[in-house]
Amino acid sequence: MRLVDEINGLLGLKPGNDETASADGLKLCARLSAAGYALRSPLDAAEFADRRREHARRVQAVAAHLGTPTAPLLP
């Protein structure tokens, strides 16, 4: 995320918009766990969705500037 933040700052890009719902975060966490990823205990799906939204907004700014679609969340 540091590189994305540096690029955004250099180009004067503002964060985009992301609509990740907490329920989507819960579904995604379940998929990650089933795939063998270690998740923090206790699981806070709302915090996970909040952090993902913040990261996605910053990546979306760069993607929009480059004319590239962002990767969708696949819960």
N, C-alpha and C. Protein backbone atom coordinates (compact mmCIF):
# COMPACT_ATOMS: atom_id res chain seq x y z
N MET A 1 0.82 -1.18 0.00
CA MET A 1 0.00 0.00 0.00
C MET A 1 0.87 1.25 0.00
N ARG A 2 2.08 1.14 0.47
CA ARG A 2 2.93 2.33 0.47
C ARG A 2 3.19 2.82 -0.94
N LEU A 3 3.45 1.90 -1.86
CA LEU A 3 3.70 2.29 -3.25
C LEU A 3 2.46 2.97 -3.83
N VAL A 4 1.29 2.41 -3.59
CA VAL A 4 0.05 3.00 -4.09
C VAL A 4 -0.12 4.40 -3.50
N ASP A 5 0.14 4.55 -2.21
CA ASP A 5 0.03 5.87 -1.58
C ASP A 5 1.02 6.86 -2.18
N GLU A 6 2.23 6.41 -2.46
CA GLU A 6 3.23 7.29 -3.07
C GLU A 6 2.80 7.73 -4.46
N ILE A 7 2.29 6.78 -5.25
CA ILE A 7 1.83 7.11 -6.61
C ILE A 7 0.65 8.07 -6.54
N ASN A 8 -0.30 7.78 -5.66
CA ASN A 8 -1.46 8.67 -5.52
C ASN A 8 -1.01 10.07 -5.12
N GLY A 9 -0.08 10.18 -4.20
CA GLY A 9 0.41 11.48 -3.77
C GLY A 9 1.14 12.21 -4.88
N LEU A 10 1.97 11.49 -5.60
CA LEU A 10 2.75 12.08 -6.69
C LEU A 10 1.84 12.62 -7.79
N LEU A 11 0.78 11.86 -8.10
CA LEU A 11 -0.12 12.25 -9.18
C LEU A 11 -1.32 13.08 -8.69
N GLY A 12 -1.45 13.25 -7.38
CA GLY A 12 -2.57 14.01 -6.83
C GLY A 12 -3.90 13.29 -6.97
N LEU A 13 -3.89 11.97 -6.89
CA LEU A 13 -5.11 11.18 -7.04
C LEU A 13 -5.84 11.06 -5.71
N LYS A 14 -7.15 11.14 -5.76
CA LYS A 14 -7.99 10.99 -4.57
C LYS A 14 -8.56 9.57 -4.54
N PRO A 15 -8.73 8.99 -3.35
CA PRO A 15 -9.27 7.63 -3.25
C PRO A 15 -10.62 7.50 -3.94
N GLY A 16 -10.85 6.32 -4.53
CA GLY A 16 -12.11 6.04 -5.20
C GLY A 16 -13.18 5.64 -4.22
N ASN A 17 -14.16 4.88 -4.69
CA ASN A 17 -15.28 4.45 -3.86
C ASN A 17 -15.32 2.93 -3.86
N ASP A 18 -15.55 2.33 -2.72
CA ASP A 18 -15.68 0.88 -2.62
C ASP A 18 -16.86 0.55 -1.73
N GLU A 19 -17.68 -0.37 -2.17
CA GLU A 19 -18.92 -0.71 -1.47
C GLU A 19 -18.88 -2.10 -0.82
N THR A 20 -17.72 -2.54 -0.38
CA THR A 20 -17.62 -3.85 0.26
C THR A 20 -18.46 -3.86 1.54
N ALA A 21 -19.40 -4.76 1.61
CA ALA A 21 -20.26 -4.88 2.79
C ALA A 21 -19.61 -5.80 3.81
N SER A 22 -19.97 -5.62 5.06
CA SER A 22 -19.44 -6.47 6.13
C SER A 22 -19.79 -7.93 5.88
N ALA A 23 -20.97 -8.19 5.32
CA ALA A 23 -21.37 -9.57 5.02
C ALA A 23 -20.44 -10.18 3.98
N ASP A 24 -20.01 -9.37 3.01
CA ASP A 24 -19.05 -9.87 2.01
C ASP A 24 -17.72 -10.19 2.68
N GLY A 25 -17.33 -9.37 3.65
CA GLY A 25 -16.10 -9.62 4.38
C GLY A 25 -16.16 -10.95 5.12
N LEU A 26 -17.31 -11.25 5.70
CA LEU A 26 -17.49 -12.52 6.42
C LEU A 26 -17.38 -13.70 5.46
N LYS A 27 -18.01 -13.58 4.29
CA LYS A 27 -17.94 -14.66 3.29
C LYS A 27 -16.51 -14.86 2.81
N LEU A 28 -15.82 -13.74 2.58
CA LEU A 28 -14.44 -13.83 2.12
C LEU A 28 -13.54 -14.45 3.18
N CYS A 29 -13.73 -14.08 4.43
CA CYS A 29 -12.94 -14.67 5.51
C CYS A 29 -13.18 -16.17 5.61
N ALA A 30 -14.42 -16.60 5.40
CA ALA A 30 -14.73 -18.04 5.42
C ALA A 30 -13.99 -18.75 4.29
N ARG A 31 -13.94 -18.14 3.10
CA ARG A 31 -13.22 -18.74 1.97
C ARG A 31 -11.72 -18.81 2.26
N LEU A 32 -11.18 -17.75 2.84
CA LEU A 32 -9.74 -17.74 3.16
C LEU A 32 -9.41 -18.83 4.17
N SER A 33 -10.26 -18.97 5.18
CA SER A 33 -10.04 -19.99 6.20
C SER A 33 -10.11 -21.39 5.58
N ALA A 34 -11.10 -21.60 4.72
CA ALA A 34 -11.25 -22.91 4.06
C ALA A 34 -10.06 -23.22 3.16
N ALA A 35 -9.42 -22.18 2.64
CA ALA A 35 -8.25 -22.37 1.77
C ALA A 35 -6.96 -22.56 2.57
N GLY A 36 -7.07 -22.49 3.91
CA GLY A 36 -5.90 -22.76 4.74
C GLY A 36 -5.19 -21.53 5.28
N TYR A 37 -5.71 -20.33 5.01
CA TYR A 37 -5.09 -19.12 5.54
C TYR A 37 -5.41 -18.98 7.02
N ALA A 38 -4.43 -18.59 7.79
CA ALA A 38 -4.63 -18.36 9.22
C ALA A 38 -5.24 -16.97 9.40
N LEU A 39 -6.36 -16.91 10.11
CA LEU A 39 -7.03 -15.64 10.37
C LEU A 39 -6.93 -15.32 11.85
N ARG A 40 -6.97 -14.04 12.14
CA ARG A 40 -6.93 -13.62 13.55
C ARG A 40 -8.15 -14.15 14.28
N SER A 41 -7.94 -14.44 15.54
CA SER A 41 -9.04 -14.90 16.36
C SER A 41 -9.21 -13.91 17.51
N PRO A 42 -10.36 -13.43 17.81
CA PRO A 42 -11.63 -13.71 17.16
C PRO A 42 -11.74 -12.93 15.84
N LEU A 43 -12.45 -13.50 14.91
CA LEU A 43 -12.62 -12.91 13.59
C LEU A 43 -13.53 -11.69 13.68
N ASP A 44 -13.09 -10.58 13.13
CA ASP A 44 -13.89 -9.35 13.08
C ASP A 44 -14.12 -9.02 11.61
N ALA A 45 -15.19 -9.57 11.05
CA ALA A 45 -15.48 -9.39 9.62
C ALA A 45 -15.73 -7.93 9.28
N ALA A 46 -16.33 -7.18 10.19
CA ALA A 46 -16.59 -5.76 9.92
C ALA A 46 -15.28 -4.99 9.79
N GLU A 47 -14.32 -5.27 10.68
CA GLU A 47 -13.02 -4.62 10.58
C GLU A 47 -12.30 -5.04 9.30
N PHE A 48 -12.39 -6.31 8.96
CA PHE A 48 -11.78 -6.80 7.73
C PHE A 48 -12.35 -6.05 6.53
N ALA A 49 -13.69 -5.91 6.48
CA ALA A 49 -14.34 -5.20 5.36
C ALA A 49 -13.93 -3.73 5.34
N ASP A 50 -13.83 -3.11 6.51
CA ASP A 50 -13.40 -1.71 6.59
C ASP A 50 -11.99 -1.53 6.03
N ARG A 51 -11.09 -2.39 6.44
CA ARG A 51 -9.70 -2.29 5.96
C ARG A 51 -9.62 -2.58 4.47
N ARG A 52 -10.39 -3.55 3.99
CA ARG A 52 -10.39 -3.86 2.57
C ARG A 52 -10.94 -2.68 1.77
N ARG A 53 -12.02 -2.05 2.29
CA ARG A 53 -12.57 -0.87 1.62
C ARG A 53 -11.52 0.23 1.51
N GLU A 54 -10.79 0.48 2.58
CA GLU A 54 -9.78 1.54 2.57
C GLU A 54 -8.67 1.23 1.56
N HIS A 55 -8.20 0.01 1.54
CA HIS A 55 -7.16 -0.37 0.58
C HIS A 55 -7.69 -0.30 -0.85
N ALA A 56 -8.90 -0.83 -1.07
CA ALA A 56 -9.48 -0.87 -2.41
C ALA A 56 -9.68 0.54 -2.96
N ARG A 57 -10.10 1.47 -2.11
CA ARG A 57 -10.31 2.85 -2.56
C ARG A 57 -9.02 3.45 -3.11
N ARG A 58 -7.92 3.18 -2.45
CA ARG A 58 -6.64 3.74 -2.88
C ARG A 58 -6.15 3.08 -4.16
N VAL A 59 -6.35 1.76 -4.28
CA VAL A 59 -5.95 1.05 -5.50
C VAL A 59 -6.83 1.48 -6.67
N GLN A 60 -8.13 1.70 -6.42
CA GLN A 60 -9.05 2.12 -7.47
C GLN A 60 -8.65 3.46 -8.06
N ALA A 61 -8.10 4.35 -7.25
CA ALA A 61 -7.66 5.65 -7.77
C ALA A 61 -6.58 5.48 -8.82
N VAL A 62 -5.61 4.61 -8.56
CA VAL A 62 -4.54 4.36 -9.53
C VAL A 62 -5.09 3.65 -10.76
N ALA A 63 -5.95 2.65 -10.54
CA ALA A 63 -6.52 1.90 -11.65
C ALA A 63 -7.31 2.81 -12.58
N ALA A 64 -8.12 3.70 -12.00
CA ALA A 64 -8.91 4.62 -12.82
C ALA A 64 -8.00 5.55 -13.61
N HIS A 65 -6.92 6.01 -12.98
CA HIS A 65 -5.97 6.89 -13.67
C HIS A 65 -5.33 6.18 -14.86
N LEU A 66 -5.06 4.89 -14.69
CA LEU A 66 -4.42 4.11 -15.76
C LEU A 66 -5.43 3.55 -16.76
N GLY A 67 -6.72 3.74 -16.49
CA GLY A 67 -7.75 3.21 -17.38
C GLY A 67 -7.87 1.70 -17.31
N THR A 68 -7.59 1.14 -16.13
CA THR A 68 -7.61 -0.30 -15.94
C THR A 68 -8.69 -0.67 -14.93
N PRO A 69 -9.49 -1.69 -15.22
CA PRO A 69 -10.48 -2.10 -14.22
C PRO A 69 -9.81 -2.75 -13.01
N THR A 70 -10.41 -2.58 -11.85
CA THR A 70 -9.87 -3.20 -10.65
C THR A 70 -10.40 -4.63 -10.53
N ALA A 71 -9.74 -5.42 -9.72
CA ALA A 71 -10.18 -6.80 -9.49
C ALA A 71 -11.39 -6.78 -8.58
N PRO A 72 -12.43 -7.52 -8.93
CA PRO A 72 -13.63 -7.56 -8.08
C PRO A 72 -13.40 -8.43 -6.85
N LEU A 73 -14.15 -8.14 -5.81
CA LEU A 73 -14.16 -9.00 -4.62
C LEU A 73 -15.03 -10.20 -4.93
N LEU A 74 -14.51 -11.38 -4.74
CA LEU A 74 -15.26 -12.61 -5.03
C LEU A 74 -15.53 -13.38 -3.75
N PRO A 75 -16.60 -12.99 -3.03
CA PRO A 75 -16.91 -13.73 -1.79
C PRO A 75 -17.53 -15.02 -2.09
